[in-house]
Structures are given as structure tokens and as C-alpha cells.
Amino acid sequence: MMAISTYTELKASIANFLNRDDLTATIPDFISLAESSINNEIRHWRMETRAETTVDSQFTGIPSDWLSTIRFHLTTSGTSSLNFMSLATMQSTRAARDDSTGTPTNYSLNSSQFELMPTPDGSYSAILMYYAKIPALTGSNETNWLLTHHPDIYLYGALLHSAPYLKEDERASTWAALYTAAVVRVNNASSRSTASGSGLRLKIGSY
């Protein structure tokens, strides 16, 4: 296998595996499709991101690279966690409380924004810990941490998405097995890393 450390090298390797020299315009699409799958399936400590913000209204924006929340908490007058609540439960609870204001205790997802309850009665400093999208590979962004450390995920992911386009169903199962094994290996390695040492574990909010 040739070295794969850049976007250019990845495209060349995909063409080599497929034994095709006529897919120059299409291979970037295979990579983009792979990145969509990767962002859904990889959860690695290198994706953990911290954002500081101020919440002062019922709705607040979600970072553009947000995938899922690890922890959301207020830092005004000490630290207090914001707990996830389903949107339906939040709406019924808000109605039962006559839409009262106060110090937020819960959050939900509503139309690509975070909704807070109670609606803040002032400005509160907050910190959002979340899993961020892996920076996409492009001609101007030739590499990222995943390609540097785990190029096999990119390679097999792109090859898997090439199979339907090339009508090579017999190869899809091979690429799928290799891709899945690589994803499991990376996720497990991350879990072992974050579980060692101090023993601190972050609770991931689920929706």
C-alpha cells in the first residue's frame, strides 16, 4: 500500500485500489460520502471541543461543527449542569410553569438551536463540551488528524462508497468489513485512552 498522508495521496490510492484512471472527478465525492459516515460513526477524544458562550434568551446557537453534546453547563455563580430534555417534555413542562423565567436547568434541540428552560432571566456564562466534525479534506486542507493517524478509515470508507457507483456489489462487503473493523478499532482505542489515568469519564448527552 502506498503512503497515505495527504488528500492528494488518498485520491491516488483510491484510484490505484480501483484500478481506474478515469475517476478523477468522482473520487472526491467518494471521500465526501465517507466523511459523512465517519462523522456519524467515529467518537474519538480528538473530536472533543470546548466552546464558551453566553446564554441570555430562550434559544442559543449550535456551533457549526457540532455533532453531539458531551456536557453543557453554566459557570455563572459556580458550576451547574444543563440536563438534556426531549423537546416534547420541555414544551409541556414550559406550559405547566406558565413559561416562567429563571436560571436554566435544561436544554433541548429545536430547529438547529439549543432551547433552554427556564428561559434565562439574565445573562449566564456557559461552557459546551461537544464532539466536533472532523475537518473535511479539500485541496486547501490536505490533511487532518484522522488521515494522519488512521488513513485506512478514509481509504476503506471511500472504497465502500465507490461500490454502488461502479456497480461492484461483490466488493462492497469486503470494503464494508474492512471499514467497520477500522472504525471499531479506533473507537475502542479512544475509549481505552479516556478510561485510563485519572478515571474521569464524561457523560454523553443522547437525543
C-alpha atoms as a PDB file:
ATOM      1  CA  MET A   1       0.000   0.000   0.000  1.00  0.00           C
ATOM      2  CA  MET A   2       1.332   3.419  -0.923  1.00  0.00           C
ATOM      3  CA  ALA A   3       1.798   6.077   1.756  1.00  0.00           C
ATOM      4  CA  ILE A   4      -1.383   7.995   2.530  1.00  0.00           C
ATOM      5  CA  SER A   5      -0.821  11.201   4.458  1.00  0.00           C
ATOM      6  CA  THR A   6      -2.497  13.838   2.280  1.00  0.00           C
ATOM      7  CA  TYR A   7      -5.716  14.335   0.344  1.00  0.00           C
ATOM      8  CA  THR A   8      -3.787  14.048  -2.908  1.00  0.00           C
ATOM      9  CA  GLU A   9      -2.203  10.763  -1.844  1.00  0.00           C
ATOM     10  CA  LEU A  10      -5.563   9.436  -0.676  1.00  0.00           C
ATOM     11  CA  LYS A  11      -7.158  10.121  -4.061  1.00  0.00           C
ATOM     12  CA  ALA A  12      -4.263   8.417  -5.817  1.00  0.00           C
ATOM     13  CA  SER A  13      -4.520   5.380  -3.538  1.00  0.00           C
ATOM     14  CA  ILE A  14      -8.259   5.046  -4.139  1.00  0.00           C
ATOM     15  CA  ALA A  15      -7.692   5.142  -7.902  1.00  0.00           C
ATOM     16  CA  ASN A  16      -4.961   2.509  -7.501  1.00  0.00           C
ATOM     17  CA  PHE A  17      -7.187   0.177  -5.454  1.00  0.00           C
ATOM     18  CA  LEU A  18      -9.971   0.517  -8.003  1.00  0.00           C
ATOM     19  CA  ASN A  19      -7.512   0.113 -10.861  1.00  0.00           C
ATOM     20  CA  ARG A  20      -9.167   3.043 -12.599  1.00  0.00           C
ATOM     21  CA  ASP A  21      -7.653   6.194 -14.081  1.00  0.00           C
ATOM     22  CA  ASP A  22     -10.923   7.760 -15.212  1.00  0.00           C
ATOM     23  CA  LEU A  23     -12.430   8.704 -11.832  1.00  0.00           C
ATOM     24  CA  THR A  24     -10.547  11.924 -11.105  1.00  0.00           C
ATOM     25  CA  ALA A  25     -13.749  13.964 -10.895  1.00  0.00           C
ATOM     26  CA  THR A  26     -15.668  11.339  -8.907  1.00  0.00           C
ATOM     27  CA  ILE A  27     -13.205  10.181  -6.248  1.00  0.00           C
ATOM     28  CA  PRO A  28     -13.632  13.410  -4.193  1.00  0.00           C
ATOM     29  CA  ASP A  29     -17.342  12.525  -3.963  1.00  0.00           C
ATOM     30  CA  PHE A  30     -16.460   9.083  -2.569  1.00  0.00           C
ATOM     31  CA  ILE A  31     -14.300  10.792   0.047  1.00  0.00           C
ATOM     32  CA  SER A  32     -17.032  13.280   0.960  1.00  0.00           C
ATOM     33  CA  LEU A  33     -19.545  10.455   1.371  1.00  0.00           C
ATOM     34  CA  ALA A  34     -17.043   8.596   3.534  1.00  0.00           C
ATOM     35  CA  GLU A  35     -16.604  11.691   5.709  1.00  0.00           C
ATOM     36  CA  SER A  36     -20.343  11.839   6.290  1.00  0.00           C
ATOM     37  CA  SER A  37     -20.315   8.226   7.516  1.00  0.00           C
ATOM     38  CA  ILE A  38     -17.166   8.812   9.565  1.00  0.00           C
ATOM     39  CA  ASN A  39     -18.676  11.763  11.419  1.00  0.00           C
ATOM     40  CA  ASN A  40     -21.688   9.638  12.316  1.00  0.00           C
ATOM     41  CA  GLU A  41     -19.696   6.610  13.440  1.00  0.00           C
ATOM     42  CA  ILE A  42     -16.417   7.821  14.958  1.00  0.00           C
ATOM     43  CA  ARG A  43     -16.332   9.200  18.502  1.00  0.00           C
ATOM     44  CA  HIS A  44     -12.727   9.912  19.439  1.00  0.00           C
ATOM     45  CA  TRP A  45     -11.168  12.081  22.116  1.00  0.00           C
ATOM     46  CA  ARG A  46      -9.530  14.168  19.387  1.00  0.00           C
ATOM     47  CA  MET A  47     -13.034  15.310  18.385  1.00  0.00           C
ATOM     48  CA  GLU A  48     -13.796  16.721  21.838  1.00  0.00           C
ATOM     49  CA  THR A  49     -14.162  20.510  21.662  1.00  0.00           C
ATOM     50  CA  ARG A  50     -14.837  23.216  24.241  1.00  0.00           C
ATOM     51  CA  ALA A  51     -16.832  26.347  23.452  1.00  0.00           C
ATOM     52  CA  GLU A  52     -17.506  29.233  25.834  1.00  0.00           C
ATOM     53  CA  THR A  53     -20.678  31.213  25.294  1.00  0.00           C
ATOM     54  CA  THR A  54     -23.252  33.453  26.965  1.00  0.00           C
ATOM     55  CA  VAL A  55     -26.894  32.408  27.135  1.00  0.00           C
ATOM     56  CA  ASP A  56     -29.448  35.147  27.664  1.00  0.00           C
ATOM     57  CA  SER A  57     -32.554  34.044  25.763  1.00  0.00           C
ATOM     58  CA  GLN A  58     -34.731  31.005  25.175  1.00  0.00           C
ATOM     59  CA  PHE A  59     -32.694  29.963  22.146  1.00  0.00           C
ATOM     60  CA  THR A  60     -28.958  29.912  21.541  1.00  0.00           C
ATOM     61  CA  GLY A  61     -26.961  28.863  18.506  1.00  0.00           C
ATOM     62  CA  ILE A  62     -25.290  25.488  17.972  1.00  0.00           C
ATOM     63  CA  PRO A  63     -21.657  25.503  16.728  1.00  0.00           C
ATOM     64  CA  SER A  64     -21.428  24.802  13.006  1.00  0.00           C
ATOM     65  CA  ASP A  65     -19.162  21.790  13.603  1.00  0.00           C
ATOM     66  CA  TRP A  66     -21.316  20.294  16.403  1.00  0.00           C
ATOM     67  CA  LEU A  67     -22.126  16.581  16.236  1.00  0.00           C
ATOM     68  CA  SER A  68     -23.268  15.683  19.748  1.00  0.00           C
ATOM     69  CA  THR A  69     -23.088  17.120  23.223  1.00  0.00           C
ATOM     70  CA  ILE A  70     -20.779  15.776  25.895  1.00  0.00           C
ATOM     71  CA  ARG A  71     -21.591  18.287  28.643  1.00  0.00           C
ATOM     72  CA  PHE A  72     -23.370  21.632  28.782  1.00  0.00           C
ATOM     73  CA  HIS A  73     -23.113  23.660  31.974  1.00  0.00           C
ATOM     74  CA  LEU A  74     -23.433  27.161  33.364  1.00  0.00           C
ATOM     75  CA  THR A  75     -20.437  28.808  35.010  1.00  0.00           C
ATOM     76  CA  THR A  76     -22.091  31.893  36.489  1.00  0.00           C
ATOM     77  CA  SER A  77     -22.095  31.704  40.322  1.00  0.00           C
ATOM     78  CA  GLY A  78     -20.412  28.305  40.337  1.00  0.00           C
ATOM     79  CA  THR A  79     -20.972  25.374  38.001  1.00  0.00           C
ATOM     80  CA  SER A  80     -24.396  23.887  37.315  1.00  0.00           C
ATOM     81  CA  SER A  81     -25.231  21.313  34.684  1.00  0.00           C
ATOM     82  CA  LEU A  82     -27.835  21.774  31.998  1.00  0.00           C
ATOM     83  CA  ASN A  83     -29.639  18.464  31.596  1.00  0.00           C
ATOM     84  CA  PHE A  84     -30.993  17.262  28.276  1.00  0.00           C
ATOM     85  CA  MET A  85     -34.793  17.099  27.952  1.00  0.00           C
ATOM     86  CA  SER A  86     -36.812  15.953  24.978  1.00  0.00           C
ATOM     87  CA  LEU A  87     -38.498  18.768  23.105  1.00  0.00           C
ATOM     88  CA  ALA A  88     -41.983  17.379  23.778  1.00  0.00           C
ATOM     89  CA  THR A  89     -41.317  17.162  27.520  1.00  0.00           C
ATOM     90  CA  MET A  90     -39.832  20.645  27.534  1.00  0.00           C
ATOM     91  CA  GLN A  91     -42.836  22.131  25.797  1.00  0.00           C
ATOM     92  CA  SER A  92     -45.306  20.532  28.189  1.00  0.00           C
ATOM     93  CA  THR A  93     -43.212  21.488  31.230  1.00  0.00           C
ATOM     94  CA  ARG A  94     -42.853  25.044  29.995  1.00  0.00           C
ATOM     95  CA  ALA A  95     -46.636  25.303  29.573  1.00  0.00           C
ATOM     96  CA  ALA A  96     -47.247  23.868  33.051  1.00  0.00           C
ATOM     97  CA  ARG A  97     -44.936  26.504  34.510  1.00  0.00           C
ATOM     98  CA  ASP A  98     -46.588  29.335  32.551  1.00  0.00           C
ATOM     99  CA  ASP A  99     -43.359  29.879  30.628  1.00  0.00           C
ATOM    100  CA  SER A 100     -41.619  31.257  33.713  1.00  0.00           C
ATOM    101  CA  THR A 101     -38.072  32.614  33.574  1.00  0.00           C
ATOM    102  CA  GLY A 102     -35.138  31.807  35.847  1.00  0.00           C
ATOM    103  CA  THR A 103     -31.783  30.067  35.912  1.00  0.00           C
ATOM    104  CA  PRO A 104     -31.752  27.482  33.086  1.00  0.00           C
ATOM    105  CA  THR A 105     -31.651  23.856  34.203  1.00  0.00           C
ATOM    106  CA  ASN A 106     -32.472  22.012  30.975  1.00  0.00           C
ATOM    107  CA  TYR A 107     -31.804  22.188  27.263  1.00  0.00           C
ATOM    108  CA  SER A 108     -33.219  20.589  24.156  1.00  0.00           C
ATOM    109  CA  LEU A 109     -32.739  20.739  20.403  1.00  0.00           C
ATOM    110  CA  ASN A 110     -35.182  22.856  18.456  1.00  0.00           C
ATOM    111  CA  SER A 111     -34.784  23.863  14.790  1.00  0.00           C
ATOM    112  CA  SER A 112     -30.972  23.643  14.801  1.00  0.00           C
ATOM    113  CA  GLN A 113     -30.696  25.611  18.034  1.00  0.00           C
ATOM    114  CA  PHE A 114     -30.438  24.820  21.713  1.00  0.00           C
ATOM    115  CA  GLU A 115     -33.602  25.703  23.609  1.00  0.00           C
ATOM    116  CA  LEU A 116     -33.176  26.477  27.310  1.00  0.00           C
ATOM    117  CA  MET A 117     -35.658  26.087  30.136  1.00  0.00           C
ATOM    118  CA  PRO A 118     -36.491  28.080  32.129  1.00  0.00           C
ATOM    119  CA  THR A 119     -35.884  30.941  29.735  1.00  0.00           C
ATOM    120  CA  PRO A 120     -32.872  32.809  31.177  1.00  0.00           C
ATOM    121  CA  ASP A 121     -33.785  35.743  33.380  1.00  0.00           C
ATOM    122  CA  GLY A 122     -30.409  37.338  32.684  1.00  0.00           C
ATOM    123  CA  SER A 123     -27.052  36.625  31.073  1.00  0.00           C
ATOM    124  CA  TYR A 124     -25.296  33.411  32.083  1.00  0.00           C
ATOM    125  CA  SER A 125     -21.821  32.254  31.119  1.00  0.00           C
ATOM    126  CA  ALA A 126     -21.801  28.692  29.822  1.00  0.00           C
ATOM    127  CA  ILE A 127     -19.396  26.072  28.524  1.00  0.00           C
ATOM    128  CA  LEU A 128     -20.370  23.499  25.920  1.00  0.00           C
ATOM    129  CA  MET A 129     -18.251  20.377  25.582  1.00  0.00           C
ATOM    130  CA  TYR A 130     -19.090  18.555  22.383  1.00  0.00           C
ATOM    131  CA  TYR A 131     -17.903  16.235  19.661  1.00  0.00           C
ATOM    132  CA  ALA A 132     -16.953  18.276  16.596  1.00  0.00           C
ATOM    133  CA  LYS A 133     -16.977  17.232  12.964  1.00  0.00           C
ATOM    134  CA  ILE A 134     -13.638  16.082  11.626  1.00  0.00           C
ATOM    135  CA  PRO A 135     -12.275  18.850   9.354  1.00  0.00           C
ATOM    136  CA  ALA A 136     -13.099  17.887   5.773  1.00  0.00           C
ATOM    137  CA  LEU A 137     -10.302  17.158   3.339  1.00  0.00           C
ATOM    138  CA  THR A 138     -10.078  19.567   0.419  1.00  0.00           C
ATOM    139  CA  GLY A 139      -7.498  20.882  -1.984  1.00  0.00           C
ATOM    140  CA  SER A 140      -6.721  23.627   0.520  1.00  0.00           C
ATOM    141  CA  ASN A 141      -6.895  21.331   3.575  1.00  0.00           C
ATOM    142  CA  GLU A 142      -4.722  18.395   2.606  1.00  0.00           C
ATOM    143  CA  THR A 143      -4.780  16.525   5.909  1.00  0.00           C
ATOM    144  CA  ASN A 144      -6.391  16.179   9.315  1.00  0.00           C
ATOM    145  CA  TRP A 145      -5.771  14.114  12.445  1.00  0.00           C
ATOM    146  CA  LEU A 146      -7.815  11.127  11.229  1.00  0.00           C
ATOM    147  CA  LEU A 147      -5.968  10.823   7.933  1.00  0.00           C
ATOM    148  CA  THR A 148      -2.644  11.226   9.743  1.00  0.00           C
ATOM    149  CA  HIS A 149      -3.316   8.536  12.329  1.00  0.00           C
ATOM    150  CA  HIS A 150      -5.890   6.267  10.651  1.00  0.00           C
ATOM    151  CA  PRO A 151      -5.720   6.525   6.852  1.00  0.00           C
ATOM    152  CA  ASP A 152      -7.326   3.093   6.485  1.00  0.00           C
ATOM    153  CA  ILE A 153     -10.670   4.501   7.640  1.00  0.00           C
ATOM    154  CA  TYR A 154     -10.621   7.085   4.863  1.00  0.00           C
ATOM    155  CA  LEU A 155      -9.448   4.581   2.269  1.00  0.00           C
ATOM    156  CA  TYR A 156     -11.949   1.830   3.043  1.00  0.00           C
ATOM    157  CA  GLY A 157     -14.754   4.324   3.624  1.00  0.00           C
ATOM    158  CA  ALA A 158     -14.239   5.876   0.201  1.00  0.00           C
ATOM    159  CA  LEU A 159     -13.913   2.472  -1.460  1.00  0.00           C
ATOM    160  CA  LEU A 160     -17.147   1.344   0.194  1.00  0.00           C
ATOM    161  CA  HIS A 161     -18.973   4.335  -1.307  1.00  0.00           C
ATOM    162  CA  SER A 162     -17.421   3.665  -4.699  1.00  0.00           C
ATOM    163  CA  ALA A 163     -19.021   0.229  -4.990  1.00  0.00           C
ATOM    164  CA  PRO A 164     -22.600   1.312  -5.796  1.00  0.00           C
ATOM    165  CA  TYR A 165     -21.353   3.886  -8.297  1.00  0.00           C
ATOM    166  CA  LEU A 166     -19.189   1.305 -10.057  1.00  0.00           C
ATOM    167  CA  LYS A 167     -21.859  -1.410  -9.682  1.00  0.00           C
ATOM    168  CA  GLU A 168     -19.392  -3.662  -7.901  1.00  0.00           C
ATOM    169  CA  ASP A 169     -21.665  -5.177  -5.295  1.00  0.00           C
ATOM    170  CA  GLU A 170     -19.336  -8.134  -4.825  1.00  0.00           C
ATOM    171  CA  ARG A 171     -16.638  -5.820  -3.478  1.00  0.00           C
ATOM    172  CA  ALA A 172     -18.928  -3.802  -1.229  1.00  0.00           C
ATOM    173  CA  SER A 173     -18.972  -6.446   1.509  1.00  0.00           C
ATOM    174  CA  THR A 174     -15.170  -6.543   1.563  1.00  0.00           C
ATOM    175  CA  TRP A 175     -14.846  -2.761   1.854  1.00  0.00           C
ATOM    176  CA  ALA A 176     -17.637  -2.675   4.451  1.00  0.00           C
ATOM    177  CA  ALA A 177     -15.941  -5.291   6.634  1.00  0.00           C
ATOM    178  CA  LEU A 178     -12.576  -3.525   6.489  1.00  0.00           C
ATOM    179  CA  TYR A 179     -14.129  -0.113   7.149  1.00  0.00           C
ATOM    180  CA  THR A 180     -16.236  -1.352  10.064  1.00  0.00           C
ATOM    181  CA  ALA A 181     -13.265  -3.112  11.665  1.00  0.00           C
ATOM    182  CA  ALA A 182     -11.191   0.077  11.415  1.00  0.00           C
ATOM    183  CA  VAL A 183     -13.951   2.196  12.966  1.00  0.00           C
ATOM    184  CA  VAL A 184     -14.401  -0.224  15.863  1.00  0.00           C
ATOM    185  CA  ARG A 185     -10.654  -0.306  16.441  1.00  0.00           C
ATOM    186  CA  VAL A 186     -10.384   3.492  16.587  1.00  0.00           C
ATOM    187  CA  ASN A 187     -13.432   3.918  18.838  1.00  0.00           C
ATOM    188  CA  ASN A 188     -12.179   1.224  21.198  1.00  0.00           C
ATOM    189  CA  ALA A 189      -8.710   2.767  21.339  1.00  0.00           C
ATOM    190  CA  SER A 190     -10.236   6.127  22.225  1.00  0.00           C
ATOM    191  CA  SER A 191     -12.372   4.556  24.949  1.00  0.00           C
ATOM    192  CA  ARG A 192      -9.336   2.888  26.466  1.00  0.00           C
ATOM    193  CA  SER A 193      -7.401   6.157  26.394  1.00  0.00           C
ATOM    194  CA  THR A 194     -10.108   8.179  28.126  1.00  0.00           C
ATOM    195  CA  ALA A 195     -10.775   5.460  30.706  1.00  0.00           C
ATOM    196  CA  SER A 196      -7.142   5.221  31.819  1.00  0.00           C
ATOM    197  CA  GLY A 197      -5.209   7.534  34.106  1.00  0.00           C
ATOM    198  CA  SER A 198      -7.436   9.717  36.263  1.00  0.00           C
ATOM    199  CA  GLY A 199     -10.532   7.662  35.571  1.00  0.00           C
ATOM    200  CA  LEU A 200     -12.621  10.720  34.719  1.00  0.00           C
ATOM    201  CA  ARG A 201     -15.453   9.952  32.339  1.00  0.00           C
ATOM    202  CA  LEU A 202     -17.665  12.426  30.507  1.00  0.00           C
ATOM    203  CA  LYS A 203     -21.348  11.734  30.186  1.00  0.00           C
ATOM    204  CA  ILE A 204     -22.525  11.984  26.585  1.00  0.00           C
ATOM    205  CA  GLY A 205     -25.957  13.504  26.124  1.00  0.00           C
ATOM    206  CA  SER A 206     -28.175  11.345  23.949  1.00  0.00           C
ATOM    207  CA  TYR A 207     -31.084  12.534  21.875  1.00  0.00           C
END
